[in-house]
């Protein structure tokens, strides 16, 4: 067992730095995606609240005397509805079908390294444990 560890140690050490870099990159991607969703949600909620408030003001203005009050408040309300829709579209754009799931590349690299370690020393049985502990995707792959 000690001889196997001596043979496998260089391969493991060689990949530690690469795992750190990949983890930082994956975390950055996940943070950017989360930030985009949060910003889009904040814009949507804020504009939606403003649109609802202005709709109430519009109803009040409709009962007052004046030639342009209703049109002005209506245009402001319409503008905030457009901003709310734009915010929702921006937040939805953060989730794209072709974009990888966060940390998917890290999982793929880990599985590739487990296969490489199993090829270096098949007596360790790493390959069977790596496949058993690997999470299955939702598609059944």
C-alpha atoms as a PDB file:
ATOM      1  CA  UNK A   1       0.000   0.000   0.000  1.00  0.00           C
ATOM      2  CA  UNK A   2       2.845   2.398   0.830  1.00  0.00           C
ATOM      3  CA  UNK A   3       4.470   1.686  -2.539  1.00  0.00           C
ATOM      4  CA  UNK A   4       1.202   2.502  -4.300  1.00  0.00           C
ATOM      5  CA  UNK A   5       0.968   5.803  -2.433  1.00  0.00           C
ATOM      6  CA  UNK A   6       4.520   6.681  -3.455  1.00  0.00           C
ATOM      7  CA  UNK A   7       3.630   6.066  -7.110  1.00  0.00           C
ATOM      8  CA  UNK A   8       0.368   7.995  -6.879  1.00  0.00           C
ATOM      9  CA  UNK A   9       1.664  10.986  -4.885  1.00  0.00           C
ATOM     10  CA  UNK A  10       3.208  12.826  -7.876  1.00  0.00           C
ATOM     11  CA  UNK A  11      -0.020  12.496  -9.852  1.00  0.00           C
ATOM     12  CA  UNK A  12      -2.091  13.765  -6.932  1.00  0.00           C
ATOM     13  CA  UNK A  13       0.243  16.675  -6.207  1.00  0.00           C
ATOM     14  CA  UNK A  14       0.345  17.614  -9.873  1.00  0.00           C
ATOM     15  CA  UNK A  15      -3.422  18.137  -9.877  1.00  0.00           C
ATOM     16  CA  UNK A  16      -3.850  20.017  -6.581  1.00  0.00           C
ATOM     17  CA  UNK A  17      -2.957  23.406  -8.031  1.00  0.00           C
ATOM     18  CA  UNK A  18      -5.104  22.758 -11.086  1.00  0.00           C
ATOM     19  CA  UNK A  19      -8.052  21.914  -8.811  1.00  0.00           C
ATOM     20  CA  UNK A  20      -7.560  25.175  -6.928  1.00  0.00           C
ATOM     21  CA  UNK A  21      -7.525  27.223 -10.119  1.00  0.00           C
ATOM     22  CA  UNK A  22     -10.548  25.405 -11.514  1.00  0.00           C
ATOM     23  CA  UNK A  23     -12.425  25.823  -8.236  1.00  0.00           C
ATOM     24  CA  UNK A  24     -11.741  29.583  -8.271  1.00  0.00           C
ATOM     25  CA  UNK A  25     -12.886  29.843 -11.885  1.00  0.00           C
ATOM     26  CA  UNK A  26     -16.048  27.824 -11.245  1.00  0.00           C
ATOM     27  CA  UNK A  27     -16.835  29.855  -8.114  1.00  0.00           C
ATOM     28  CA  UNK A  28     -16.384  33.066 -10.119  1.00  0.00           C
ATOM     29  CA  UNK A  29     -18.765  31.808 -12.811  1.00  0.00           C
ATOM     30  CA  UNK A  30     -21.342  30.811 -10.193  1.00  0.00           C
ATOM     31  CA  UNK A  31     -20.989  34.197  -8.465  1.00  0.00           C
ATOM     32  CA  UNK A  32     -21.456  36.102 -11.730  1.00  0.00           C
ATOM     33  CA  UNK A  33     -24.551  34.069 -12.561  1.00  0.00           C
ATOM     34  CA  UNK A  34     -26.000  34.581  -9.077  1.00  0.00           C
ATOM     35  CA  UNK A  35     -25.198  38.303  -9.169  1.00  0.00           C
ATOM     36  CA  UNK A  36     -26.947  38.656 -12.535  1.00  0.00           C
ATOM     37  CA  UNK A  37     -30.038  36.861 -11.237  1.00  0.00           C
ATOM     38  CA  UNK A  38     -30.110  38.952  -8.056  1.00  0.00           C
ATOM     39  CA  UNK A  39     -29.727  42.230  -9.972  1.00  0.00           C
ATOM     40  CA  UNK A  40     -32.459  41.260 -12.432  1.00  0.00           C
ATOM     41  CA  UNK A  41     -34.741  40.248  -9.574  1.00  0.00           C
ATOM     42  CA  UNK A  42     -34.070  43.497  -7.704  1.00  0.00           C
ATOM     43  CA  UNK A  43     -34.858  45.579 -10.806  1.00  0.00           C
ATOM     44  CA  UNK A  44     -38.004  43.543 -11.465  1.00  0.00           C
ATOM     45  CA  UNK A  45     -39.303  43.815  -7.905  1.00  0.00           C
ATOM     46  CA  UNK A  46     -38.503  47.519  -7.616  1.00  0.00           C
ATOM     47  CA  UNK A  47     -40.085  48.388 -10.945  1.00  0.00           C
ATOM     48  CA  UNK A  48     -43.093  46.194 -10.175  1.00  0.00           C
ATOM     49  CA  UNK A  49     -43.684  47.968  -6.856  1.00  0.00           C
ATOM     50  CA  UNK A  50     -43.336  51.334  -8.568  1.00  0.00           C
ATOM     51  CA  UNK A  51     -45.783  50.292 -11.302  1.00  0.00           C
ATOM     52  CA  UNK A  52     -48.323  49.205  -8.709  1.00  0.00           C
ATOM     53  CA  UNK A  53     -47.860  52.450  -6.751  1.00  0.00           C
ATOM     54  CA  UNK A  54     -48.261  54.527  -9.872  1.00  0.00           C
ATOM     55  CA  UNK A  55     -51.355  52.557 -10.860  1.00  0.00           C
ATOM     56  CA  UNK A  56     -52.858  53.634  -7.541  1.00  0.00           C
ATOM     57  CA  UNK A  57     -51.822  57.233  -8.184  1.00  0.00           C
ATOM     58  CA  UNK A  58     -53.358  56.918 -11.650  1.00  0.00           C
ATOM     59  CA  UNK A  59     -56.671  55.877 -10.128  1.00  0.00           C
ATOM     60  CA  UNK A  60     -56.553  58.865  -7.777  1.00  0.00           C
ATOM     61  CA  UNK A  61     -55.585  61.229 -10.584  1.00  0.00           C
ATOM     62  CA  UNK A  62     -58.496  59.963 -12.681  1.00  0.00           C
ATOM     63  CA  UNK A  63     -60.885  61.315 -10.082  1.00  0.00           C
ATOM     64  CA  UNK A  64     -59.301  64.815 -10.032  1.00  0.00           C
ATOM     65  CA  UNK A  65     -59.938  67.688 -12.334  1.00  0.00           C
ATOM     66  CA  UNK A  66     -57.172  68.384 -14.840  1.00  0.00           C
ATOM     67  CA  UNK A  67     -56.437  67.774 -18.506  1.00  0.00           C
ATOM     68  CA  UNK A  68     -52.993  66.055 -18.360  1.00  0.00           C
ATOM     69  CA  UNK A  69     -52.698  64.333 -14.962  1.00  0.00           C
ATOM     70  CA  UNK A  70     -54.027  61.016 -16.151  1.00  0.00           C
ATOM     71  CA  UNK A  71     -51.796  60.839 -19.208  1.00  0.00           C
ATOM     72  CA  UNK A  72     -48.622  61.709 -17.253  1.00  0.00           C
ATOM     73  CA  UNK A  73     -49.209  59.195 -14.484  1.00  0.00           C
ATOM     74  CA  UNK A  74     -50.227  56.574 -17.051  1.00  0.00           C
ATOM     75  CA  UNK A  75     -47.021  57.053 -19.020  1.00  0.00           C
ATOM     76  CA  UNK A  76     -44.920  56.798 -15.849  1.00  0.00           C
ATOM     77  CA  UNK A  77     -46.719  53.598 -14.882  1.00  0.00           C
ATOM     78  CA  UNK A  78     -46.232  52.205 -18.399  1.00  0.00           C
ATOM     79  CA  UNK A  79     -42.520  53.104 -18.254  1.00  0.00           C
ATOM     80  CA  UNK A  80     -41.993  51.204 -15.013  1.00  0.00           C
ATOM     81  CA  UNK A  81     -43.822  48.189 -16.420  1.00  0.00           C
ATOM     82  CA  UNK A  82     -41.385  48.218 -19.348  1.00  0.00           C
ATOM     83  CA  UNK A  83     -38.451  48.450 -16.903  1.00  0.00           C
ATOM     84  CA  UNK A  84     -39.860  45.513 -14.908  1.00  0.00           C
ATOM     85  CA  UNK A  85     -40.148  43.415 -18.073  1.00  0.00           C
ATOM     86  CA  UNK A  86     -36.603  44.348 -19.093  1.00  0.00           C
ATOM     87  CA  UNK A  87     -35.317  43.330 -15.639  1.00  0.00           C
ATOM     88  CA  UNK A  88     -37.108  39.996 -15.883  1.00  0.00           C
ATOM     89  CA  UNK A  89     -35.621  39.401 -19.335  1.00  0.00           C
ATOM     90  CA  UNK A  90     -32.154  40.296 -18.031  1.00  0.00           C
ATOM     91  CA  UNK A  91     -32.485  37.874 -15.105  1.00  0.00           C
ATOM     92  CA  UNK A  92     -33.771  35.135 -17.397  1.00  0.00           C
ATOM     93  CA  UNK A  93     -30.764  35.648 -19.689  1.00  0.00           C
ATOM     94  CA  UNK A  94     -28.472  34.464 -16.865  1.00  0.00           C
ATOM     95  CA  UNK A  95     -29.789  30.916 -17.349  1.00  0.00           C
ATOM     96  CA  UNK A  96     -28.827  29.747 -20.798  1.00  0.00           C
ATOM     97  CA  UNK A  97     -29.293  26.150 -21.968  1.00  0.00           C
ATOM     98  CA  UNK A  98     -25.792  25.840 -23.438  1.00  0.00           C
ATOM     99  CA  UNK A  99     -24.047  27.133 -20.332  1.00  0.00           C
ATOM    100  CA  UNK A 100     -22.585  24.484 -18.002  1.00  0.00           C
ATOM    101  CA  UNK A 101     -23.988  23.920 -14.536  1.00  0.00           C
ATOM    102  CA  UNK A 102     -21.800  25.485 -11.819  1.00  0.00           C
ATOM    103  CA  UNK A 103     -18.892  23.218 -10.825  1.00  0.00           C
ATOM    104  CA  UNK A 104     -19.668  20.773 -13.656  1.00  0.00           C
ATOM    105  CA  UNK A 105     -16.155  21.110 -15.057  1.00  0.00           C
ATOM    106  CA  UNK A 106     -14.657  20.470 -11.617  1.00  0.00           C
ATOM    107  CA  UNK A 107     -16.669  17.246 -11.315  1.00  0.00           C
ATOM    108  CA  UNK A 108     -15.564  16.151 -14.798  1.00  0.00           C
ATOM    109  CA  UNK A 109     -11.906  16.815 -13.949  1.00  0.00           C
ATOM    110  CA  UNK A 110     -12.236  14.892 -10.679  1.00  0.00           C
ATOM    111  CA  UNK A 111     -13.722  11.884 -12.456  1.00  0.00           C
ATOM    112  CA  UNK A 112     -10.997  11.992 -15.125  1.00  0.00           C
ATOM    113  CA  UNK A 113      -8.336  12.080 -12.418  1.00  0.00           C
ATOM    114  CA  UNK A 114      -9.941   9.167 -10.591  1.00  0.00           C
ATOM    115  CA  UNK A 115      -9.826   7.146 -13.817  1.00  0.00           C
ATOM    116  CA  UNK A 116      -6.161   8.107 -14.282  1.00  0.00           C
ATOM    117  CA  UNK A 117      -5.331   7.054 -10.716  1.00  0.00           C
ATOM    118  CA  UNK A 118      -7.142   3.775 -11.235  1.00  0.00           C
ATOM    119  CA  UNK A 119      -5.061   3.122 -14.340  1.00  0.00           C
ATOM    120  CA  UNK A 120      -1.851   3.813 -12.425  1.00  0.00           C
ATOM    121  CA  UNK A 121      -2.727   1.269  -9.755  1.00  0.00           C
ATOM    122  CA  UNK A 122      -5.817  -0.883 -10.396  1.00  0.00           C
ATOM    123  CA  UNK A 123      -5.366  -2.731  -7.087  1.00  0.00           C
ATOM    124  CA  UNK A 124      -6.631   0.301  -5.152  1.00  0.00           C
ATOM    125  CA  UNK A 125     -10.138  -0.048  -6.579  1.00  0.00           C
ATOM    126  CA  UNK A 126     -10.465   3.724  -7.023  1.00  0.00           C
ATOM    127  CA  UNK A 127     -12.387   3.418 -10.267  1.00  0.00           C
ATOM    128  CA  UNK A 128     -15.289   1.507  -8.745  1.00  0.00           C
ATOM    129  CA  UNK A 129     -15.498   3.866  -5.759  1.00  0.00           C
ATOM    130  CA  UNK A 130     -15.306   6.956  -7.975  1.00  0.00           C
ATOM    131  CA  UNK A 131     -18.225   5.780 -10.099  1.00  0.00           C
ATOM    132  CA  UNK A 132     -20.259   4.718  -7.071  1.00  0.00           C
ATOM    133  CA  UNK A 133     -19.795   8.055  -5.301  1.00  0.00           C
ATOM    134  CA  UNK A 134     -20.235  10.228  -8.408  1.00  0.00           C
ATOM    135  CA  UNK A 135     -23.620  11.956  -8.431  1.00  0.00           C
ATOM    136  CA  UNK A 136     -25.893  10.954 -11.264  1.00  0.00           C
ATOM    137  CA  UNK A 137     -27.243  13.715 -13.465  1.00  0.00           C
ATOM    138  CA  UNK A 138     -30.942  14.430 -13.710  1.00  0.00           C
ATOM    139  CA  UNK A 139     -31.013  13.129 -17.268  1.00  0.00           C
ATOM    140  CA  UNK A 140     -29.968   9.667 -16.120  1.00  0.00           C
ATOM    141  CA  UNK A 141     -26.514   9.896 -17.768  1.00  0.00           C
END
